[in-house]
């Protein structure tokens, strides 16, 4: 719960938005989610994450993982997690799109 991408500092309005998004997303299959037009939700290789996120990931998951899931809430806001047997384990709240910056 600590660190630069902690859920502790999430704005209450963003929390409501994130919960609503997750509730809607939970009704869909992963195949539908990651093939949605626009590529808003996708897997990212851990090597492409910023150093603090990679370090946090190693602390959170013994042995690490090769990739994490990025779920786009809005233009910059993301929820990150890792997949395990078809279940996403939520890790981070990234309101500024810093965990894996993009030039797009």
PDB file of N, CA and C in Angstrom:
ATOM      1  N   UNK A   1       0.801  -1.203   0.000  1.00  0.00           N
ATOM      2  CA  UNK A   1       0.000   0.000   0.000  1.00  0.00           C
ATOM      3  C   UNK A   1       0.843   1.265   0.000  1.00  0.00           C
ATOM      4  N   UNK A   2       2.134   1.160   0.161  1.00  0.00           N
ATOM      5  CA  UNK A   2       2.995   2.343   0.152  1.00  0.00           C
ATOM      6  C   UNK A   2       3.635   2.474  -1.221  1.00  0.00           C
ATOM      7  N   UNK A   3       4.343   3.549  -1.424  1.00  0.00           N
ATOM      8  CA  UNK A   3       5.059   3.729  -2.676  1.00  0.00           C
ATOM      9  C   UNK A   3       4.389   4.732  -3.584  1.00  0.00           C
ATOM     10  N   UNK A   4       5.052   5.039  -4.699  1.00  0.00           N
ATOM     11  CA  UNK A   4       4.581   6.113  -5.576  1.00  0.00           C
ATOM     12  C   UNK A   4       3.249   5.827  -6.272  1.00  0.00           C
ATOM     13  N   UNK A   5       2.833   4.583  -6.356  1.00  0.00           N
ATOM     14  CA  UNK A   5       1.599   4.244  -7.073  1.00  0.00           C
ATOM     15  C   UNK A   5       0.573   3.621  -6.129  1.00  0.00           C
ATOM     16  N   UNK A   6       0.643   4.057  -4.892  1.00  0.00           N
ATOM     17  CA  UNK A   6      -0.218   3.533  -3.835  1.00  0.00           C
ATOM     18  C   UNK A   6      -1.671   3.984  -4.019  1.00  0.00           C
ATOM     19  N   UNK A   7      -2.570   3.166  -3.551  1.00  0.00           N
ATOM     20  CA  UNK A   7      -3.994   3.498  -3.553  1.00  0.00           C
ATOM     21  C   UNK A   7      -4.352   4.403  -2.374  1.00  0.00           C
ATOM     22  N   UNK A   8      -3.432   4.614  -1.456  1.00  0.00           N
ATOM     23  CA  UNK A   8      -3.731   5.410  -0.259  1.00  0.00           C
ATOM     24  C   UNK A   8      -4.056   6.865  -0.580  1.00  0.00           C
ATOM     25  N   UNK A   9      -3.501   7.416  -1.614  1.00  0.00           N
ATOM     26  CA  UNK A   9      -3.663   8.831  -1.921  1.00  0.00           C
ATOM     27  C   UNK A   9      -4.678   9.087  -3.039  1.00  0.00           C
ATOM     28  N   UNK A  10      -5.446   8.081  -3.428  1.00  0.00           N
ATOM     29  CA  UNK A  10      -6.393   8.277  -4.525  1.00  0.00           C
ATOM     30  C   UNK A  10      -7.479   9.274  -4.118  1.00  0.00           C
ATOM     31  N   UNK A  11      -7.795  10.131  -5.032  1.00  0.00           N
ATOM     32  CA  UNK A  11      -8.860  11.114  -4.854  1.00  0.00           C
ATOM     33  C   UNK A  11     -10.197  10.363  -4.743  1.00  0.00           C
ATOM     34  N   UNK A  12     -11.108  10.779  -3.867  1.00  0.00           N
ATOM     35  CA  UNK A  12     -12.388  10.072  -3.718  1.00  0.00           C
ATOM     36  C   UNK A  12     -13.180   9.937  -5.023  1.00  0.00           C
ATOM     37  N   UNK A  13     -13.163  10.971  -5.852  1.00  0.00           N
ATOM     38  CA  UNK A  13     -13.872  10.883  -7.139  1.00  0.00           C
ATOM     39  C   UNK A  13     -13.223   9.853  -8.054  1.00  0.00           C
ATOM     40  N   UNK A  14     -11.900   9.803  -8.048  1.00  0.00           N
ATOM     41  CA  UNK A  14     -11.188   8.796  -8.846  1.00  0.00           C
ATOM     42  C   UNK A  14     -11.473   7.393  -8.327  1.00  0.00           C
ATOM     43  N   UNK A  15     -11.590   7.250  -7.015  1.00  0.00           N
ATOM     44  CA  UNK A  15     -11.888   5.939  -6.433  1.00  0.00           C
ATOM     45  C   UNK A  15     -13.254   5.451  -6.896  1.00  0.00           C
ATOM     46  N   UNK A  16     -14.234   6.322  -6.877  1.00  0.00           N
ATOM     47  CA  UNK A  16     -15.570   5.955  -7.356  1.00  0.00           C
ATOM     48  C   UNK A  16     -15.497   5.552  -8.826  1.00  0.00           C
ATOM     49  N   UNK A  17     -14.784   6.334  -9.625  1.00  0.00           N
ATOM     50  CA  UNK A  17     -14.646   6.037 -11.049  1.00  0.00           C
ATOM     51  C   UNK A  17     -13.950   4.689 -11.261  1.00  0.00           C
ATOM     52  N   UNK A  18     -12.899   4.422 -10.502  1.00  0.00           N
ATOM     53  CA  UNK A  18     -12.162   3.155 -10.631  1.00  0.00           C
ATOM     54  C   UNK A  18     -13.037   1.967 -10.239  1.00  0.00           C
ATOM     55  N   UNK A  19     -13.786   2.098  -9.164  1.00  0.00           N
ATOM     56  CA  UNK A  19     -14.651   0.997  -8.718  1.00  0.00           C
ATOM     57  C   UNK A  19     -15.748   0.730  -9.746  1.00  0.00           C
ATOM     58  N   UNK A  20     -16.341   1.795 -10.265  1.00  0.00           N
ATOM     59  CA  UNK A  20     -17.374   1.620 -11.303  1.00  0.00           C
ATOM     60  C   UNK A  20     -16.793   0.947 -12.541  1.00  0.00           C
ATOM     61  N   UNK A  21     -15.601   1.372 -12.940  1.00  0.00           N
ATOM     62  CA  UNK A  21     -14.942   0.765 -14.095  1.00  0.00           C
ATOM     63  C   UNK A  21     -14.691  -0.723 -13.850  1.00  0.00           C
ATOM     64  N   UNK A  22     -14.149  -1.054 -12.689  1.00  0.00           N
ATOM     65  CA  UNK A  22     -13.864  -2.456 -12.374  1.00  0.00           C
ATOM     66  C   UNK A  22     -15.138  -3.292 -12.311  1.00  0.00           C
ATOM     67  N   UNK A  23     -16.214  -2.725 -11.790  1.00  0.00           N
ATOM     68  CA  UNK A  23     -17.487  -3.449 -11.738  1.00  0.00           C
ATOM     69  C   UNK A  23     -17.993  -3.756 -13.148  1.00  0.00           C
ATOM     70  N   UNK A  24     -17.874  -2.795 -14.057  1.00  0.00           N
ATOM     71  CA  UNK A  24     -18.288  -3.019 -15.447  1.00  0.00           C
ATOM     72  C   UNK A  24     -17.370  -4.024 -16.137  1.00  0.00           C
ATOM     73  N   UNK A  25     -16.089  -3.904 -15.887  1.00  0.00           N
ATOM     74  CA  UNK A  25     -15.103  -4.783 -16.510  1.00  0.00           C
ATOM     75  C   UNK A  25     -15.254  -6.225 -16.027  1.00  0.00           C
ATOM     76  N   UNK A  26     -15.642  -6.408 -14.780  1.00  0.00           N
ATOM     77  CA  UNK A  26     -15.777  -7.753 -14.207  1.00  0.00           C
ATOM     78  C   UNK A  26     -16.833  -8.583 -14.919  1.00  0.00           C
ATOM     79  N   UNK A  27     -17.724  -7.958 -15.630  1.00  0.00           N
ATOM     80  CA  UNK A  27     -18.786  -8.664 -16.348  1.00  0.00           C
ATOM     81  C   UNK A  27     -18.319  -9.210 -17.699  1.00  0.00           C
ATOM     82  N   UNK A  28     -17.105  -8.842 -18.094  1.00  0.00           N
ATOM     83  CA  UNK A  28     -16.599  -9.226 -19.406  1.00  0.00           C
ATOM     84  C   UNK A  28     -15.487 -10.259 -19.287  1.00  0.00           C
ATOM     85  N   UNK A  29     -15.227 -10.949 -20.382  1.00  0.00           N
ATOM     86  CA  UNK A  29     -14.139 -11.919 -20.432  1.00  0.00           C
ATOM     87  C   UNK A  29     -12.854 -11.190 -20.802  1.00  0.00           C
ATOM     88  N   UNK A  30     -11.703 -11.738 -20.357  1.00  0.00           N
ATOM     89  CA  UNK A  30     -10.417 -11.095 -20.630  1.00  0.00           C
ATOM     90  C   UNK A  30     -10.173 -10.947 -22.120  1.00  0.00           C
ATOM     91  N   UNK A  31     -10.591 -11.914 -22.900  1.00  0.00           N
ATOM     92  CA  UNK A  31     -10.422 -11.817 -24.350  1.00  0.00           C
ATOM     93  C   UNK A  31     -11.123 -10.603 -24.930  1.00  0.00           C
ATOM     94  N   UNK A  32     -12.291 -10.283 -24.406  1.00  0.00           N
ATOM     95  CA  UNK A  32     -13.030  -9.098 -24.853  1.00  0.00           C
ATOM     96  C   UNK A  32     -12.342  -7.817 -24.388  1.00  0.00           C
ATOM     97  N   UNK A  33     -11.818  -7.855 -23.193  1.00  0.00           N
ATOM     98  CA  UNK A  33     -11.207  -6.659 -22.609  1.00  0.00           C
ATOM     99  C   UNK A  33      -9.942  -6.266 -23.363  1.00  0.00           C
ATOM    100  N   UNK A  34      -9.064  -7.226 -23.598  1.00  0.00           N
ATOM    101  CA  UNK A  34      -7.781  -6.867 -24.217  1.00  0.00           C
ATOM    102  C   UNK A  34      -7.853  -6.718 -25.734  1.00  0.00           C
ATOM    103  N   UNK A  35      -8.953  -7.128 -26.365  1.00  0.00           N
ATOM    104  CA  UNK A  35      -9.088  -6.937 -27.809  1.00  0.00           C
ATOM    105  C   UNK A  35     -10.006  -5.764 -28.140  1.00  0.00           C
ATOM    106  N   UNK A  36     -10.363  -4.999 -27.132  1.00  0.00           N
ATOM    107  CA  UNK A  36     -11.205  -3.821 -27.352  1.00  0.00           C
ATOM    108  C   UNK A  36     -10.506  -2.870 -28.321  1.00  0.00           C
ATOM    109  N   UNK A  37     -11.235  -2.314 -29.288  1.00  0.00           N
ATOM    110  CA  UNK A  37     -10.614  -1.379 -30.228  1.00  0.00           C
ATOM    111  C   UNK A  37      -9.902  -0.238 -29.505  1.00  0.00           C
ATOM    112  N   UNK A  38      -8.756   0.142 -30.027  1.00  0.00           N
ATOM    113  CA  UNK A  38      -7.977   1.226 -29.440  1.00  0.00           C
ATOM    114  C   UNK A  38      -6.855   0.743 -28.543  1.00  0.00           C
ATOM    115  N   UNK A  39      -6.865  -0.526 -28.151  1.00  0.00           N
ATOM    116  CA  UNK A  39      -5.795  -1.084 -27.326  1.00  0.00           C
ATOM    117  C   UNK A  39      -5.635  -0.424 -25.974  1.00  0.00           C
ATOM    118  N   UNK A  40      -6.739   0.032 -25.396  1.00  0.00           N
ATOM    119  CA  UNK A  40      -6.677   0.741 -24.119  1.00  0.00           C
ATOM    120  C   UNK A  40      -6.271  -0.153 -22.950  1.00  0.00           C
ATOM    121  N   UNK A  41      -6.582  -1.427 -23.046  1.00  0.00           N
ATOM    122  CA  UNK A  41      -6.273  -2.377 -21.982  1.00  0.00           C
ATOM    123  C   UNK A  41      -5.345  -3.435 -22.577  1.00  0.00           C
ATOM    124  N   UNK A  42      -4.178  -3.604 -21.965  1.00  0.00           N
ATOM    125  CA  UNK A  42      -3.215  -4.515 -22.580  1.00  0.00           C
ATOM    126  C   UNK A  42      -2.166  -4.965 -21.563  1.00  0.00           C
ATOM    127  N   UNK A  43      -1.465  -6.022 -21.951  1.00  0.00           N
ATOM    128  CA  UNK A  43      -0.352  -6.524 -21.150  1.00  0.00           C
ATOM    129  C   UNK A  43       0.906  -5.735 -21.492  1.00  0.00           C
ATOM    130  N   UNK A  44       1.736  -5.511 -20.479  1.00  0.00           N
ATOM    131  CA  UNK A  44       2.995  -4.777 -20.650  1.00  0.00           C
ATOM    132  C   UNK A  44       4.111  -5.613 -20.034  1.00  0.00           C
ATOM    133  N   UNK A  45       5.200  -5.752 -20.739  1.00  0.00           N
ATOM    134  CA  UNK A  45       6.353  -6.478 -20.198  1.00  0.00           C
ATOM    135  C   UNK A  45       6.931  -5.700 -19.014  1.00  0.00           C
ATOM    136  N   UNK A  46       7.300  -6.416 -17.967  1.00  0.00           N
ATOM    137  CA  UNK A  46       7.809  -5.738 -16.775  1.00  0.00           C
ATOM    138  C   UNK A  46       9.086  -4.959 -17.067  1.00  0.00           C
ATOM    139  N   UNK A  47       9.844  -5.381 -18.053  1.00  0.00           N
ATOM    140  CA  UNK A  47      11.068  -4.656 -18.414  1.00  0.00           C
ATOM    141  C   UNK A  47      10.767  -3.246 -18.915  1.00  0.00           C
ATOM    142  N   UNK A  48       9.532  -2.993 -19.366  1.00  0.00           N
ATOM    143  CA  UNK A  48       9.155  -1.678 -19.881  1.00  0.00           C
ATOM    144  C   UNK A  48       8.634  -0.737 -18.793  1.00  0.00           C
ATOM    145  N   UNK A  49       8.536  -1.216 -17.566  1.00  0.00           N
ATOM    146  CA  UNK A  49       8.050  -0.394 -16.454  1.00  0.00           C
ATOM    147  C   UNK A  49       9.172   0.480 -15.904  1.00  0.00           C
ATOM    148  N   UNK A  50       8.810   1.588 -15.287  1.00  0.00           N
ATOM    149  CA  UNK A  50       9.815   2.426 -14.633  1.00  0.00           C
ATOM    150  C   UNK A  50      10.399   1.665 -13.446  1.00  0.00           C
ATOM    151  N   UNK A  51      11.602   2.013 -13.057  1.00  0.00           N
ATOM    152  CA  UNK A  51      12.338   1.298 -12.002  1.00  0.00           C
ATOM    153  C   UNK A  51      11.540   1.154 -10.693  1.00  0.00           C
ATOM    154  N   UNK A  52      10.903   2.227 -10.152  1.00  0.00           N
ATOM    155  CA  UNK A  52      10.163   2.043  -8.892  1.00  0.00           C
ATOM    156  C   UNK A  52       9.051   0.995  -9.004  1.00  0.00           C
ATOM    157  N   UNK A  53       8.404   0.921 -10.152  1.00  0.00           N
ATOM    158  CA  UNK A  53       7.349  -0.071 -10.349  1.00  0.00           C
ATOM    159  C   UNK A  53       7.943  -1.482 -10.415  1.00  0.00           C
ATOM    160  N   UNK A  54       9.052  -1.636 -11.119  1.00  0.00           N
ATOM    161  CA  UNK A  54       9.698  -2.960 -11.184  1.00  0.00           C
ATOM    162  C   UNK A  54      10.131  -3.415  -9.801  1.00  0.00           C
ATOM    163  N   UNK A  55      10.709  -2.498  -9.020  1.00  0.00           N
ATOM    164  CA  UNK A  55      11.146  -2.849  -7.665  1.00  0.00           C
ATOM    165  C   UNK A  55       9.959  -3.246  -6.794  1.00  0.00           C
ATOM    166  N   UNK A  56       8.872  -2.485  -6.886  1.00  0.00           N
ATOM    167  CA  UNK A  56       7.666  -2.776  -6.114  1.00  0.00           C
ATOM    168  C   UNK A  56       7.077  -4.120  -6.518  1.00  0.00           C
ATOM    169  N   UNK A  57       7.122  -4.411  -7.797  1.00  0.00           N
ATOM    170  CA  UNK A  57       6.592  -5.670  -8.304  1.00  0.00           C
ATOM    171  C   UNK A  57       7.357  -6.858  -7.740  1.00  0.00           C
ATOM    172  N   UNK A  58       8.674  -6.756  -7.691  1.00  0.00           N
ATOM    173  CA  UNK A  58       9.480  -7.836  -7.127  1.00  0.00           C
ATOM    174  C   UNK A  58       9.191  -8.035  -5.648  1.00  0.00           C
ATOM    175  N   UNK A  59       8.916  -6.948  -4.942  1.00  0.00           N
ATOM    176  CA  UNK A  59       8.576  -7.059  -3.524  1.00  0.00           C
ATOM    177  C   UNK A  59       7.181  -7.664  -3.328  1.00  0.00           C
ATOM    178  N   UNK A  60       6.258  -7.367  -4.249  1.00  0.00           N
ATOM    179  CA  UNK A  60       4.876  -7.828  -4.127  1.00  0.00           C
ATOM    180  C   UNK A  60       4.692  -9.272  -4.569  1.00  0.00           C
ATOM    181  N   UNK A  61       5.474  -9.695  -5.562  1.00  0.00           N
ATOM    182  CA  UNK A  61       5.318 -11.038  -6.128  1.00  0.00           C
ATOM    183  C   UNK A  61       6.642 -11.777  -6.028  1.00  0.00           C
ATOM    184  N   UNK A  62       6.758 -12.686  -5.090  1.00  0.00           N
ATOM    185  CA  UNK A  62       8.002 -13.461  -5.014  1.00  0.00           C
ATOM    186  C   UNK A  62       8.273 -14.161  -6.345  1.00  0.00           C
ATOM    187  N   UNK A  63       9.459 -13.951  -6.866  1.00  0.00           N
ATOM    188  CA  UNK A  63       9.803 -14.528  -8.158  1.00  0.00           C
ATOM    189  C   UNK A  63       9.428 -13.637  -9.327  1.00  0.00           C
ATOM    190  N   UNK A  64       8.659 -12.584  -9.061  1.00  0.00           N
ATOM    191  CA  UNK A  64       8.291 -11.630 -10.096  1.00  0.00           C
ATOM    192  C   UNK A  64       7.313 -12.186 -11.109  1.00  0.00           C
ATOM    193  N   UNK A  65       7.104 -11.444 -12.162  1.00  0.00           N
ATOM    194  CA  UNK A  65       6.242 -11.832 -13.274  1.00  0.00           C
ATOM    195  C   UNK A  65       6.785 -11.171 -14.534  1.00  0.00           C
ATOM    196  N   UNK A  66       6.505 -11.755 -15.673  1.00  0.00           N
ATOM    197  CA  UNK A  66       7.022 -11.232 -16.939  1.00  0.00           C
ATOM    198  C   UNK A  66       6.230 -10.049 -17.472  1.00  0.00           C
ATOM    199  N   UNK A  67       4.953  -9.934 -17.044  1.00  0.00           N
ATOM    200  CA  UNK A  67       4.125  -8.872 -17.571  1.00  0.00           C
ATOM    201  C   UNK A  67       3.046  -8.468 -16.576  1.00  0.00           C
ATOM    202  N   UNK A  68       2.547  -7.263 -16.763  1.00  0.00           N
ATOM    203  CA  UNK A  68       1.445  -6.757 -15.947  1.00  0.00           C
ATOM    204  C   UNK A  68       0.339  -6.280 -16.885  1.00  0.00           C
ATOM    205  N   UNK A  69      -0.862  -6.205 -16.354  1.00  0.00           N
ATOM    206  CA  UNK A  69      -2.009  -5.726 -17.117  1.00  0.00           C
ATOM    207  C   UNK A  69      -2.216  -4.247 -16.825  1.00  0.00           C
ATOM    208  N   UNK A  70      -2.428  -3.475 -17.863  1.00  0.00           N
ATOM    209  CA  UNK A  70      -2.751  -2.057 -17.745  1.00  0.00           C
ATOM    210  C   UNK A  70      -4.198  -1.868 -18.195  1.00  0.00           C
ATOM    211  N   UNK A  71      -5.014  -1.318 -17.309  1.00  0.00           N
ATOM    212  CA  UNK A  71      -6.400  -1.012 -17.640  1.00  0.00           C
ATOM    213  C   UNK A  71      -6.546   0.506 -17.659  1.00  0.00           C
ATOM    214  N   UNK A  72      -6.937   1.045 -18.781  1.00  0.00           N
ATOM    215  CA  UNK A  72      -7.070   2.496 -18.937  1.00  0.00           C
ATOM    216  C   UNK A  72      -8.444   2.945 -18.441  1.00  0.00           C
ATOM    217  N   UNK A  73      -8.432   3.868 -17.490  1.00  0.00           N
ATOM    218  CA  UNK A  73      -9.678   4.431 -16.976  1.00  0.00           C
ATOM    219  C   UNK A  73     -10.045   5.676 -17.778  1.00  0.00           C
ATOM    220  N   UNK A  74      -9.090   6.589 -17.938  1.00  0.00           N
ATOM    221  CA  UNK A  74      -9.259   7.780 -18.762  1.00  0.00           C
ATOM    222  C   UNK A  74      -7.961   7.997 -19.529  1.00  0.00           C
ATOM    223  N   UNK A  75      -7.803   9.164 -20.137  1.00  0.00           N
ATOM    224  CA  UNK A  75      -6.609   9.460 -20.926  1.00  0.00           C
ATOM    225  C   UNK A  75      -5.311   9.078 -20.250  1.00  0.00           C
ATOM    226  N   UNK A  76      -5.123   9.476 -18.989  1.00  0.00           N
ATOM    227  CA  UNK A  76      -3.878   9.165 -18.286  1.00  0.00           C
ATOM    228  C   UNK A  76      -4.043   8.134 -17.184  1.00  0.00           C
ATOM    229  N   UNK A  77      -5.189   8.051 -16.584  1.00  0.00           N
ATOM    230  CA  UNK A  77      -5.397   7.217 -15.391  1.00  0.00           C
ATOM    231  C   UNK A  77      -5.431   5.733 -15.735  1.00  0.00           C
ATOM    232  N   UNK A  78      -4.632   4.970 -14.984  1.00  0.00           N
ATOM    233  CA  UNK A  78      -4.525   3.525 -15.218  1.00  0.00           C
ATOM    234  C   UNK A  78      -4.613   2.756 -13.911  1.00  0.00           C
ATOM    235  N   UNK A  79      -5.094   1.534 -14.019  1.00  0.00           N
ATOM    236  CA  UNK A  79      -5.011   0.548 -12.943  1.00  0.00           C
ATOM    237  C   UNK A  79      -4.087  -0.543 -13.459  1.00  0.00           C
ATOM    238  N   UNK A  80      -3.123  -0.937 -12.638  1.00  0.00           N
ATOM    239  CA  UNK A  80      -2.198  -2.000 -13.007  1.00  0.00           C
ATOM    240  C   UNK A  80      -2.364  -3.192 -12.078  1.00  0.00           C
ATOM    241  N   UNK A  81      -2.150  -4.358 -12.635  1.00  0.00           N
ATOM    242  CA  UNK A  81      -2.185  -5.576 -11.847  1.00  0.00           C
ATOM    243  C   UNK A  81      -1.459  -6.680 -12.584  1.00  0.00           C
ATOM    244  N   UNK A  82      -1.393  -7.834 -11.950  1.00  0.00           N
ATOM    245  CA  UNK A  82      -0.786  -8.981 -12.615  1.00  0.00           C
ATOM    246  C   UNK A  82      -1.816 -10.094 -12.706  1.00  0.00           C
ATOM    247  N   UNK A  83      -1.673 -10.902 -13.724  1.00  0.00           N
ATOM    248  CA  UNK A  83      -2.616 -11.972 -13.998  1.00  0.00           C
ATOM    249  C   UNK A  83      -2.112 -13.278 -13.403  1.00  0.00           C
ATOM    250  N   UNK A  84      -3.055 -14.015 -12.830  1.00  0.00           N
ATOM    251  CA  UNK A  84      -2.745 -15.339 -12.286  1.00  0.00           C
ATOM    252  C   UNK A  84      -3.983 -16.210 -12.435  1.00  0.00           C
ATOM    253  N   UNK A  85      -3.881 -17.216 -13.283  1.00  0.00           N
ATOM    254  CA  UNK A  85      -4.968 -18.152 -13.548  1.00  0.00           C
ATOM    255  C   UNK A  85      -6.274 -17.408 -13.868  1.00  0.00           C
ATOM    256  N   UNK A  86      -6.194 -16.448 -14.792  1.00  0.00           N
ATOM    257  CA  UNK A  86      -7.371 -15.732 -15.236  1.00  0.00           C
ATOM    258  C   UNK A  86      -7.906 -14.669 -14.297  1.00  0.00           C
ATOM    259  N   UNK A  87      -7.185 -14.401 -13.222  1.00  0.00           N
ATOM    260  CA  UNK A  87      -7.609 -13.396 -12.250  1.00  0.00           C
ATOM    261  C   UNK A  87      -6.568 -12.281 -12.217  1.00  0.00           C
ATOM    262  N   UNK A  88      -7.043 -11.038 -12.271  1.00  0.00           N
ATOM    263  CA  UNK A  88      -6.136  -9.900 -12.154  1.00  0.00           C
ATOM    264  C   UNK A  88      -6.029  -9.494 -10.695  1.00  0.00           C
ATOM    265  N   UNK A  89      -4.816  -9.480 -10.185  1.00  0.00           N
ATOM    266  CA  UNK A  89      -4.535  -9.021  -8.824  1.00  0.00           C
ATOM    267  C   UNK A  89      -4.083  -7.565  -8.929  1.00  0.00           C
ATOM    268  N   UNK A  90      -4.892  -6.677  -8.410  1.00  0.00           N
ATOM    269  CA  UNK A  90      -4.637  -5.245  -8.555  1.00  0.00           C
ATOM    270  C   UNK A  90      -3.438  -4.821  -7.719  1.00  0.00           C
ATOM    271  N   UNK A  91      -2.556  -4.053  -8.350  1.00  0.00           N
ATOM    272  CA  UNK A  91      -1.351  -3.552  -7.698  1.00  0.00           C
ATOM    273  C   UNK A  91      -1.392  -2.043  -7.490  1.00  0.00           C
ATOM    274  N   UNK A  92      -1.512  -1.291  -8.579  1.00  0.00           N
ATOM    275  CA  UNK A  92      -1.250   0.137  -8.508  1.00  0.00           C
ATOM    276  C   UNK A  92      -2.367   0.985  -9.086  1.00  0.00           C
ATOM    277  N   UNK A  93      -2.419   2.200  -8.579  1.00  0.00           N
ATOM    278  CA  UNK A  93      -3.216   3.281  -9.157  1.00  0.00           C
ATOM    279  C   UNK A  93      -2.209   4.257  -9.760  1.00  0.00           C
ATOM    280  N   UNK A  94      -2.344   4.528 -11.044  1.00  0.00           N
ATOM    281  CA  UNK A  94      -1.405   5.392 -11.765  1.00  0.00           C
ATOM    282  C   UNK A  94      -2.177   6.538 -12.417  1.00  0.00           C
ATOM    283  N   UNK A  95      -2.426   7.620 -11.676  1.00  0.00           N
ATOM    284  CA  UNK A  95      -3.243   8.714 -12.218  1.00  0.00           C
ATOM    285  C   UNK A  95      -2.539   9.573 -13.268  1.00  0.00           C
ATOM    286  N   UNK A  96      -1.220   9.500 -13.336  1.00  0.00           N
ATOM    287  CA  UNK A  96      -0.469  10.360 -14.258  1.00  0.00           C
ATOM    288  C   UNK A  96       0.210   9.600 -15.388  1.00  0.00           C
ATOM    289  N   UNK A  97      -0.123   8.314 -15.553  1.00  0.00           N
ATOM    290  CA  UNK A  97       0.456   7.479 -16.609  1.00  0.00           C
ATOM    291  C   UNK A  97       1.981   7.457 -16.514  1.00  0.00           C
ATOM    292  N   UNK A  98       2.489   7.167 -15.319  1.00  0.00           N
ATOM    293  CA  UNK A  98       3.933   7.157 -15.071  1.00  0.00           C
ATOM    294  C   UNK A  98       4.542   5.762 -14.980  1.00  0.00           C
ATOM    295  N   UNK A  99       3.740   4.742 -14.688  1.00  0.00           N
ATOM    296  CA  UNK A  99       4.275   3.384 -14.509  1.00  0.00           C
ATOM    297  C   UNK A  99       4.923   2.880 -15.792  1.00  0.00           C
ATOM    298  N   UNK A 100       4.301   3.179 -16.910  1.00  0.00           N
ATOM    299  CA  UNK A 100       4.854   2.828 -18.208  1.00  0.00           C
ATOM    300  C   UNK A 100       4.519   3.955 -19.184  1.00  0.00           C
ATOM    301  N   UNK A 101       5.319   5.019 -19.143  1.00  0.00           N
ATOM    302  CA  UNK A 101       5.023   6.185 -19.978  1.00  0.00           C
ATOM    303  C   UNK A 101       5.011   5.842 -21.461  1.00  0.00           C
ATOM    304  N   UNK A 102       4.203   6.586 -22.190  1.00  0.00           N
ATOM    305  CA  UNK A 102       4.060   6.364 -23.623  1.00  0.00           C
ATOM    306  C   UNK A 102       4.183   7.705 -24.338  1.00  0.00           C
ATOM    307  N   UNK A 103       4.667   7.660 -25.567  1.00  0.00           N
ATOM    308  CA  UNK A 103       4.791   8.878 -26.369  1.00  0.00           C
ATOM    309  C   UNK A 103       3.504   9.195 -27.119  1.00  0.00           C
ATOM    310  N   UNK A 104       2.535   8.283 -27.078  1.00  0.00           N
ATOM    311  CA  UNK A 104       1.291   8.510 -27.819  1.00  0.00           C
ATOM    312  C   UNK A 104       0.502   9.639 -27.252  1.00  0.00           C
TER     313      UNK A 104
END
